Amino acid sequence: MKRLILVRHGKSSWKHNLPDDKRPLKKRGERDGLLVAKSFLSFFQKPVTVWSSPAVRALSTANIFKSELAIEDKYFNIITSLYTFDSGDLYSQIKNCEPGIDKLMVFGHNPAMTNLVNKLGDSYVDNVPTTGLTVIDFETNSWENLKNGKTILSLFPKNLR
């Protein structure tokens, strides 16, 4: 079995005139990151491999989860090509995950996250909100064959406040 945990980055700030990949989290993004990570803690099982987009807002969100879930550095990876908004690109990268990894947590961007959740899972969402987390399980031994997943958990900040 493979478990895919998809997390959209937290709410980002447009306050400063920065390139898109340099935008930081707003205070709300930080609060929501803590809220969702703490809520996920009771469901979370180690080991998990974490992949994060290098964009500041995604990496900051990933670091909140890393801290709250006590994820070791050796399982935490920054992957440049995850700075994508295309679900096809994101899916291609996930399909290349090492077969020995059973649980993969990916921090990235919309619309890629929402589209992939809807493509791979069995429950439809209009939009994965900022800091939204979705867990999808697959009855397969290979990341290359991800299809017909079962959506087993969705944590969205507005439902936790």
N, C-alpha and C. Protein backbone atom coordinates (compact mmCIF):
# COMPACT_ATOMS: atom_id res chain seq x y z
N MET A 1 0.83 -1.18 0.00
CA MET A 1 0.00 0.00 0.00
C MET A 1 0.88 1.26 0.00
N LYS A 2 0.42 2.28 -0.69
CA LYS A 2 1.10 3.57 -0.71
C LYS A 2 0.14 4.63 -0.15
N ARG A 3 0.69 5.55 0.61
CA ARG A 3 -0.08 6.66 1.16
C ARG A 3 0.52 7.97 0.67
N LEU A 4 -0.32 8.79 0.04
CA LEU A 4 0.08 10.10 -0.45
C LEU A 4 -0.62 11.17 0.37
N ILE A 5 0.16 12.06 0.94
CA ILE A 5 -0.37 13.17 1.74
C ILE A 5 -0.03 14.45 0.98
N LEU A 6 -1.06 15.13 0.49
CA LEU A 6 -0.87 16.36 -0.28
C LEU A 6 -1.25 17.55 0.58
N VAL A 7 -0.35 18.53 0.67
CA VAL A 7 -0.60 19.72 1.48
C VAL A 7 -0.34 20.96 0.63
N ARG A 8 -1.36 21.80 0.52
CA ARG A 8 -1.17 23.08 -0.15
C ARG A 8 -0.54 24.05 0.84
N HIS A 9 0.36 24.87 0.37
CA HIS A 9 1.05 25.84 1.24
C HIS A 9 0.04 26.74 1.95
N GLY A 10 0.51 27.35 3.04
CA GLY A 10 -0.32 28.27 3.81
C GLY A 10 -0.56 29.59 3.09
N LYS A 11 -1.47 30.37 3.65
CA LYS A 11 -1.83 31.68 3.10
C LYS A 11 -0.59 32.57 3.03
N SER A 12 -0.32 33.09 1.85
CA SER A 12 0.89 33.89 1.66
C SER A 12 0.58 35.39 1.60
N SER A 13 1.62 36.16 1.80
CA SER A 13 1.51 37.61 1.83
C SER A 13 1.82 38.21 0.46
N TRP A 14 1.04 39.21 0.13
CA TRP A 14 1.29 40.00 -1.09
C TRP A 14 1.76 41.40 -0.70
N LYS A 15 2.12 41.57 0.57
CA LYS A 15 2.45 42.89 1.12
C LYS A 15 3.64 43.55 0.43
N HIS A 16 4.64 42.78 0.13
CA HIS A 16 5.86 43.32 -0.48
C HIS A 16 5.92 42.94 -1.95
N ASN A 17 6.58 43.73 -2.72
CA ASN A 17 6.74 43.47 -4.15
C ASN A 17 7.88 42.47 -4.33
N LEU A 18 7.54 41.19 -4.24
CA LEU A 18 8.54 40.12 -4.32
C LEU A 18 8.20 39.19 -5.47
N PRO A 19 9.20 38.49 -6.01
CA PRO A 19 8.90 37.45 -6.99
C PRO A 19 7.99 36.40 -6.33
N ASP A 20 7.18 35.73 -7.13
CA ASP A 20 6.20 34.79 -6.61
C ASP A 20 6.80 33.75 -5.67
N ASP A 21 7.95 33.20 -6.04
CA ASP A 21 8.54 32.14 -5.22
C ASP A 21 9.16 32.64 -3.92
N LYS A 22 9.22 33.96 -3.74
CA LYS A 22 9.82 34.54 -2.53
C LYS A 22 8.78 35.04 -1.53
N ARG A 23 7.48 34.93 -1.89
CA ARG A 23 6.44 35.45 -0.99
C ARG A 23 6.38 34.62 0.30
N PRO A 24 6.39 35.30 1.45
CA PRO A 24 6.35 34.58 2.74
C PRO A 24 4.90 34.26 3.14
N LEU A 25 4.79 33.50 4.22
CA LEU A 25 3.47 33.24 4.79
C LEU A 25 2.97 34.48 5.53
N LYS A 26 1.66 34.66 5.50
CA LYS A 26 1.02 35.65 6.37
C LYS A 26 0.96 35.03 7.76
N LYS A 27 0.64 35.83 8.76
CA LYS A 27 0.46 35.29 10.12
C LYS A 27 -0.63 34.22 10.12
N ARG A 28 -1.69 34.44 9.33
CA ARG A 28 -2.76 33.45 9.24
C ARG A 28 -2.23 32.13 8.68
N GLY A 29 -1.32 32.20 7.70
CA GLY A 29 -0.73 30.99 7.15
C GLY A 29 0.07 30.22 8.19
N GLU A 30 0.76 30.95 9.05
CA GLU A 30 1.52 30.31 10.13
C GLU A 30 0.56 29.66 11.14
N ARG A 31 -0.49 30.40 11.53
CA ARG A 31 -1.47 29.86 12.48
C ARG A 31 -2.17 28.62 11.92
N ASP A 32 -2.58 28.70 10.65
CA ASP A 32 -3.26 27.57 10.02
C ASP A 32 -2.33 26.36 9.91
N GLY A 33 -1.06 26.61 9.63
CA GLY A 33 -0.09 25.52 9.56
C GLY A 33 0.00 24.78 10.88
N LEU A 34 0.08 25.52 11.97
CA LEU A 34 0.11 24.91 13.30
C LEU A 34 -1.19 24.16 13.59
N LEU A 35 -2.32 24.77 13.25
CA LEU A 35 -3.63 24.17 13.50
C LEU A 35 -3.78 22.83 12.77
N VAL A 36 -3.45 22.81 11.48
CA VAL A 36 -3.61 21.59 10.70
C VAL A 36 -2.58 20.54 11.13
N ALA A 37 -1.35 20.95 11.36
CA ALA A 37 -0.32 20.00 11.78
C ALA A 37 -0.68 19.35 13.12
N LYS A 38 -1.15 20.14 14.07
CA LYS A 38 -1.53 19.60 15.38
C LYS A 38 -2.74 18.66 15.23
N SER A 39 -3.67 19.01 14.35
CA SER A 39 -4.83 18.15 14.12
C SER A 39 -4.43 16.84 13.44
N PHE A 40 -3.43 16.90 12.60
CA PHE A 40 -2.96 15.73 11.86
C PHE A 40 -2.14 14.79 12.74
N LEU A 41 -1.59 15.30 13.82
CA LEU A 41 -0.68 14.54 14.67
C LEU A 41 -1.28 13.22 15.15
N SER A 42 -2.56 13.20 15.49
CA SER A 42 -3.17 11.97 16.01
C SER A 42 -3.35 10.90 14.91
N PHE A 43 -3.35 11.33 13.68
CA PHE A 43 -3.52 10.42 12.54
C PHE A 43 -2.17 10.00 11.95
N PHE A 44 -1.17 10.82 12.14
CA PHE A 44 0.14 10.71 11.51
C PHE A 44 0.89 9.46 11.97
N GLN A 45 1.54 8.80 11.01
CA GLN A 45 2.37 7.64 11.29
C GLN A 45 3.73 7.80 10.61
N LYS A 46 4.78 7.53 11.37
CA LYS A 46 6.13 7.54 10.80
C LYS A 46 6.44 6.15 10.29
N PRO A 47 7.40 6.00 9.41
CA PRO A 47 8.15 7.07 8.76
C PRO A 47 7.37 7.66 7.58
N VAL A 48 7.66 8.90 7.29
CA VAL A 48 7.09 9.56 6.12
C VAL A 48 8.23 10.33 5.45
N THR A 49 8.24 10.31 4.14
CA THR A 49 9.19 11.11 3.38
C THR A 49 8.48 12.39 2.97
N VAL A 50 9.13 13.50 3.19
CA VAL A 50 8.55 14.81 2.88
C VAL A 50 9.28 15.42 1.70
N TRP A 51 8.48 15.90 0.74
CA TRP A 51 8.99 16.67 -0.39
C TRP A 51 8.33 18.03 -0.34
N SER A 52 9.13 19.08 -0.51
CA SER A 52 8.57 20.43 -0.53
C SER A 52 9.08 21.22 -1.72
N SER A 53 8.17 22.02 -2.26
CA SER A 53 8.56 23.04 -3.22
C SER A 53 9.52 23.99 -2.52
N PRO A 54 10.47 24.58 -3.25
CA PRO A 54 11.40 25.52 -2.63
C PRO A 54 10.79 26.92 -2.41
N ALA A 55 9.60 27.17 -2.94
CA ALA A 55 8.98 28.48 -2.75
C ALA A 55 8.84 28.76 -1.26
N VAL A 56 9.12 29.97 -0.85
CA VAL A 56 9.17 30.32 0.57
C VAL A 56 7.89 29.92 1.29
N ARG A 57 6.72 30.18 0.70
CA ARG A 57 5.46 29.88 1.37
C ARG A 57 5.25 28.38 1.56
N ALA A 58 5.68 27.58 0.59
CA ALA A 58 5.54 26.12 0.70
C ALA A 58 6.55 25.55 1.69
N LEU A 59 7.78 25.99 1.59
CA LEU A 59 8.83 25.50 2.47
C LEU A 59 8.56 25.90 3.92
N SER A 60 8.05 27.10 4.13
CA SER A 60 7.70 27.53 5.49
C SER A 60 6.60 26.66 6.07
N THR A 61 5.60 26.35 5.25
CA THR A 61 4.51 25.46 5.68
C THR A 61 5.08 24.08 6.01
N ALA A 62 5.92 23.56 5.14
CA ALA A 62 6.54 22.24 5.37
C ALA A 62 7.34 22.23 6.66
N ASN A 63 8.04 23.32 6.95
CA ASN A 63 8.85 23.38 8.17
C ASN A 63 7.99 23.41 9.43
N ILE A 64 6.81 24.01 9.35
CA ILE A 64 5.89 23.97 10.49
C ILE A 64 5.49 22.53 10.77
N PHE A 65 5.13 21.80 9.73
CA PHE A 65 4.76 20.39 9.88
C PHE A 65 5.95 19.56 10.36
N LYS A 66 7.12 19.84 9.82
CA LYS A 66 8.33 19.11 10.22
C LYS A 66 8.54 19.23 11.72
N SER A 67 8.39 20.44 12.23
CA SER A 67 8.58 20.69 13.65
C SER A 67 7.48 20.02 14.49
N GLU A 68 6.24 20.23 14.12
CA GLU A 68 5.11 19.70 14.90
C GLU A 68 5.04 18.17 14.88
N LEU A 69 5.43 17.57 13.76
CA LEU A 69 5.36 16.11 13.62
C LEU A 69 6.69 15.42 13.94
N ALA A 70 7.69 16.22 14.31
CA ALA A 70 9.03 15.71 14.65
C ALA A 70 9.60 14.84 13.53
N ILE A 71 9.59 15.38 12.32
CA ILE A 71 10.13 14.67 11.16
C ILE A 71 11.64 14.92 11.09
N GLU A 72 12.39 13.86 10.97
CA GLU A 72 13.85 13.97 10.94
C GLU A 72 14.33 14.56 9.62
N ASP A 73 15.47 15.25 9.68
CA ASP A 73 16.07 15.88 8.50
C ASP A 73 16.26 14.89 7.35
N LYS A 74 16.63 13.65 7.66
CA LYS A 74 16.93 12.69 6.60
C LYS A 74 15.70 12.35 5.76
N TYR A 75 14.50 12.65 6.26
CA TYR A 75 13.27 12.38 5.51
C TYR A 75 12.70 13.64 4.85
N PHE A 76 13.40 14.76 4.98
CA PHE A 76 12.89 16.06 4.52
C PHE A 76 13.68 16.53 3.30
N ASN A 77 12.97 16.74 2.19
CA ASN A 77 13.63 17.06 0.92
C ASN A 77 13.00 18.29 0.27
N ILE A 78 13.84 19.18 -0.23
CA ILE A 78 13.39 20.33 -1.01
C ILE A 78 13.66 19.98 -2.47
N ILE A 79 12.60 19.99 -3.27
CA ILE A 79 12.71 19.56 -4.67
C ILE A 79 12.29 20.72 -5.57
N THR A 80 13.26 21.26 -6.28
CA THR A 80 13.04 22.44 -7.12
C THR A 80 11.88 22.30 -8.07
N SER A 81 11.76 21.14 -8.69
CA SER A 81 10.72 20.95 -9.70
C SER A 81 9.30 20.86 -9.12
N LEU A 82 9.17 20.86 -7.80
CA LEU A 82 7.84 20.90 -7.19
C LEU A 82 7.25 22.31 -7.20
N TYR A 83 8.04 23.28 -7.60
CA TYR A 83 7.48 24.62 -7.79
C TYR A 83 6.76 24.61 -9.13
N THR A 84 5.58 24.00 -9.11
CA THR A 84 4.77 23.85 -10.32
C THR A 84 3.31 24.05 -9.94
N PHE A 85 2.54 24.49 -10.91
CA PHE A 85 1.11 24.69 -10.72
C PHE A 85 0.33 23.69 -11.57
N ASP A 86 1.06 22.80 -12.25
CA ASP A 86 0.49 21.84 -13.19
C ASP A 86 0.40 20.46 -12.54
N SER A 87 -0.81 19.91 -12.47
CA SER A 87 -0.99 18.61 -11.81
C SER A 87 -0.30 17.48 -12.58
N GLY A 88 -0.19 17.59 -13.89
CA GLY A 88 0.51 16.57 -14.67
C GLY A 88 1.98 16.51 -14.29
N ASP A 89 2.61 17.67 -14.13
CA ASP A 89 4.01 17.72 -13.70
C ASP A 89 4.16 17.12 -12.30
N LEU A 90 3.27 17.51 -11.41
CA LEU A 90 3.32 17.02 -10.04
C LEU A 90 3.14 15.50 -10.00
N TYR A 91 2.17 15.02 -10.73
CA TYR A 91 1.90 13.57 -10.80
C TYR A 91 3.11 12.82 -11.34
N SER A 92 3.74 13.34 -12.38
CA SER A 92 4.93 12.69 -12.96
C SER A 92 6.05 12.56 -11.92
N GLN A 93 6.22 13.60 -11.11
CA GLN A 93 7.27 13.56 -10.10
C GLN A 93 6.95 12.53 -9.02
N ILE A 94 5.71 12.49 -8.58
CA ILE A 94 5.30 11.54 -7.55
C ILE A 94 5.46 10.11 -8.06
N LYS A 95 5.13 9.87 -9.31
CA LYS A 95 5.25 8.53 -9.90
C LYS A 95 6.70 8.04 -9.89
N ASN A 96 7.66 8.96 -9.81
CA ASN A 96 9.07 8.59 -9.78
C ASN A 96 9.62 8.39 -8.37
N CYS A 97 8.76 8.43 -7.37
CA CYS A 97 9.19 8.21 -6.00
C CYS A 97 9.76 6.80 -5.86
N GLU A 98 10.78 6.66 -5.04
CA GLU A 98 11.40 5.35 -4.82
C GLU A 98 10.37 4.35 -4.30
N PRO A 99 10.36 3.13 -4.83
CA PRO A 99 9.36 2.13 -4.42
C PRO A 99 9.44 1.75 -2.94
N GLY A 100 10.60 1.91 -2.33
CA GLY A 100 10.75 1.56 -0.92
C GLY A 100 10.07 2.53 0.04
N ILE A 101 9.64 3.66 -0.47
CA ILE A 101 8.93 4.66 0.34
C ILE A 101 7.44 4.33 0.28
N ASP A 102 6.82 4.19 1.45
CA ASP A 102 5.40 3.85 1.49
C ASP A 102 4.50 5.06 1.77
N LYS A 103 5.06 6.07 2.45
CA LYS A 103 4.27 7.27 2.77
C LYS A 103 5.04 8.50 2.29
N LEU A 104 4.39 9.27 1.41
CA LEU A 104 5.00 10.48 0.84
C LEU A 104 4.10 11.68 1.13
N MET A 105 4.69 12.72 1.70
CA MET A 105 3.98 13.96 2.01
C MET A 105 4.57 15.06 1.14
N VAL A 106 3.71 15.69 0.32
CA VAL A 106 4.16 16.68 -0.65
C VAL A 106 3.54 18.03 -0.35
N PHE A 107 4.39 19.06 -0.25
CA PHE A 107 3.94 20.45 -0.04
C PHE A 107 4.10 21.21 -1.35
N GLY A 108 2.98 21.73 -1.85
CA GLY A 108 3.03 22.39 -3.15
C GLY A 108 1.95 23.43 -3.33
N HIS A 109 1.54 23.60 -4.58
CA HIS A 109 0.76 24.76 -5.01
C HIS A 109 -0.51 24.37 -5.77
N ASN A 110 -1.46 25.27 -5.75
CA ASN A 110 -2.66 25.13 -6.56
C ASN A 110 -2.43 25.77 -7.92
N PRO A 111 -3.12 25.35 -8.95
CA PRO A 111 -4.20 24.37 -8.98
C PRO A 111 -3.72 22.91 -9.00
N ALA A 112 -2.41 22.69 -9.00
CA ALA A 112 -1.90 21.32 -9.08
C ALA A 112 -2.44 20.43 -7.95
N MET A 113 -2.47 20.97 -6.74
CA MET A 113 -2.93 20.17 -5.59
C MET A 113 -4.40 19.75 -5.74
N THR A 114 -5.26 20.71 -6.00
CA THR A 114 -6.69 20.39 -6.14
C THR A 114 -6.92 19.41 -7.28
N ASN A 115 -6.30 19.66 -8.41
CA ASN A 115 -6.49 18.77 -9.57
C ASN A 115 -6.00 17.36 -9.29
N LEU A 116 -4.88 17.24 -8.59
CA LEU A 116 -4.35 15.90 -8.29
C LEU A 116 -5.21 15.18 -7.25
N VAL A 117 -5.67 15.90 -6.24
CA VAL A 117 -6.58 15.31 -5.25
C VAL A 117 -7.81 14.73 -5.95
N ASN A 118 -8.35 15.48 -6.90
CA ASN A 118 -9.55 15.03 -7.61
C ASN A 118 -9.25 13.92 -8.61
N LYS A 119 -8.06 13.92 -9.17
CA LYS A 119 -7.70 12.87 -10.13
C LYS A 119 -7.43 11.53 -9.43
N LEU A 120 -6.76 11.58 -8.30
CA LEU A 120 -6.31 10.35 -7.65
C LEU A 120 -7.24 9.83 -6.57
N GLY A 121 -7.96 10.72 -5.90
CA GLY A 121 -8.81 10.31 -4.79
C GLY A 121 -10.22 9.97 -5.24
N ASP A 122 -11.03 9.52 -4.28
CA ASP A 122 -12.41 9.13 -4.61
C ASP A 122 -13.45 10.11 -4.07
N SER A 123 -13.00 11.28 -3.61
CA SER A 123 -13.97 12.31 -3.23
C SER A 123 -13.54 13.63 -3.85
N TYR A 124 -14.52 14.33 -4.41
CA TYR A 124 -14.25 15.56 -5.15
C TYR A 124 -14.27 16.77 -4.21
N VAL A 125 -13.33 17.69 -4.44
CA VAL A 125 -13.33 18.99 -3.74
C VAL A 125 -13.24 20.09 -4.79
N ASP A 126 -13.99 21.16 -4.57
CA ASP A 126 -13.93 22.30 -5.49
C ASP A 126 -12.55 22.94 -5.46
N ASN A 127 -11.97 23.01 -4.24
CA ASN A 127 -10.70 23.69 -4.08
C ASN A 127 -10.04 23.24 -2.78
N VAL A 128 -8.80 22.80 -2.87
CA VAL A 128 -8.02 22.55 -1.65
C VAL A 128 -7.56 23.94 -1.18
N PRO A 129 -8.03 24.37 -0.01
CA PRO A 129 -7.68 25.71 0.45
C PRO A 129 -6.22 25.80 0.91
N THR A 130 -5.75 27.00 1.14
CA THR A 130 -4.40 27.14 1.68
C THR A 130 -4.32 26.37 2.99
N THR A 131 -3.23 25.67 3.17
CA THR A 131 -2.94 24.76 4.29
C THR A 131 -3.89 23.57 4.33
N GLY A 132 -4.60 23.31 3.24
CA GLY A 132 -5.44 22.11 3.18
C GLY A 132 -4.59 20.87 3.02
N LEU A 133 -4.97 19.81 3.73
CA LEU A 133 -4.24 18.53 3.71
C LEU A 133 -5.21 17.43 3.31
N THR A 134 -4.77 16.58 2.39
CA THR A 134 -5.58 15.43 1.96
C THR A 134 -4.70 14.19 1.95
N VAL A 135 -5.24 13.10 2.50
CA VAL A 135 -4.53 11.82 2.53
C VAL A 135 -5.27 10.85 1.62
N ILE A 136 -4.52 10.24 0.70
CA ILE A 136 -5.09 9.28 -0.25
C ILE A 136 -4.27 7.99 -0.16
N ASP A 137 -4.97 6.88 0.03
CA ASP A 137 -4.33 5.56 0.08
C ASP A 137 -4.55 4.82 -1.23
N PHE A 138 -3.55 4.03 -1.61
CA PHE A 138 -3.58 3.27 -2.86
C PHE A 138 -3.22 1.82 -2.58
N GLU A 139 -3.97 0.92 -3.19
CA GLU A 139 -3.68 -0.52 -3.09
C GLU A 139 -2.70 -0.89 -4.19
N THR A 140 -1.45 -0.51 -4.01
CA THR A 140 -0.40 -0.80 -4.98
C THR A 140 0.94 -0.82 -4.26
N ASN A 141 1.92 -1.45 -4.86
CA ASN A 141 3.27 -1.46 -4.31
C ASN A 141 4.19 -0.51 -5.06
N SER A 142 3.63 0.20 -6.03
CA SER A 142 4.45 1.05 -6.88
C SER A 142 3.83 2.44 -7.03
N TRP A 143 4.66 3.45 -6.93
CA TRP A 143 4.20 4.82 -7.15
C TRP A 143 3.85 5.04 -8.62
N GLU A 144 4.40 4.23 -9.49
CA GLU A 144 4.16 4.38 -10.93
C GLU A 144 2.71 4.08 -11.31
N ASN A 145 2.02 3.33 -10.47
CA ASN A 145 0.67 2.86 -10.81
C ASN A 145 -0.42 3.50 -9.96
N LEU A 146 -0.26 4.75 -9.59
CA LEU A 146 -1.25 5.39 -8.74
C LEU A 146 -2.54 5.65 -9.51
N LYS A 147 -3.62 5.02 -9.04
CA LYS A 147 -4.94 5.27 -9.60
C LYS A 147 -5.97 4.71 -8.63
N ASN A 148 -7.19 5.17 -8.75
CA ASN A 148 -8.30 4.69 -7.93
C ASN A 148 -7.98 4.70 -6.43
N GLY A 149 -7.41 5.82 -5.98
CA GLY A 149 -7.09 5.95 -4.57
C GLY A 149 -8.33 6.18 -3.72
N LYS A 150 -8.19 5.90 -2.44
CA LYS A 150 -9.26 6.15 -1.49
C LYS A 150 -8.87 7.35 -0.63
N THR A 151 -9.67 8.41 -0.70
CA THR A 151 -9.43 9.60 0.11
C THR A 151 -9.87 9.27 1.53
N ILE A 152 -8.91 9.23 2.45
CA ILE A 152 -9.25 8.81 3.80
C ILE A 152 -9.27 9.96 4.81
N LEU A 153 -8.74 11.12 4.44
CA LEU A 153 -8.75 12.25 5.36
C LEU A 153 -8.57 13.55 4.59
N SER A 154 -9.35 14.55 4.96
CA SER A 154 -9.15 15.92 4.47
C SER A 154 -9.22 16.83 5.68
N LEU A 155 -8.18 17.61 5.88
CA LEU A 155 -8.16 18.59 6.97
C LEU A 155 -8.02 19.97 6.35
N PHE A 156 -9.05 20.78 6.52
CA PHE A 156 -9.04 22.15 6.00
C PHE A 156 -9.17 23.11 7.18
N PRO A 157 -8.35 24.15 7.23
CA PRO A 157 -8.35 25.05 8.40
C PRO A 157 -9.72 25.55 8.82
N LYS A 158 -10.56 25.93 7.87
CA LYS A 158 -11.87 26.50 8.26
C LYS A 158 -12.73 25.50 9.03
N ASN A 159 -12.49 24.20 8.83
CA ASN A 159 -13.25 23.18 9.55
C ASN A 159 -12.66 22.85 10.91
N LEU A 160 -11.50 23.41 11.21
CA LEU A 160 -10.81 23.12 12.47
C LEU A 160 -10.85 24.29 13.44
N ARG A 161 -11.24 25.44 12.96
CA ARG A 161 -11.25 26.63 13.82
C ARG A 161 -12.44 26.62 14.75
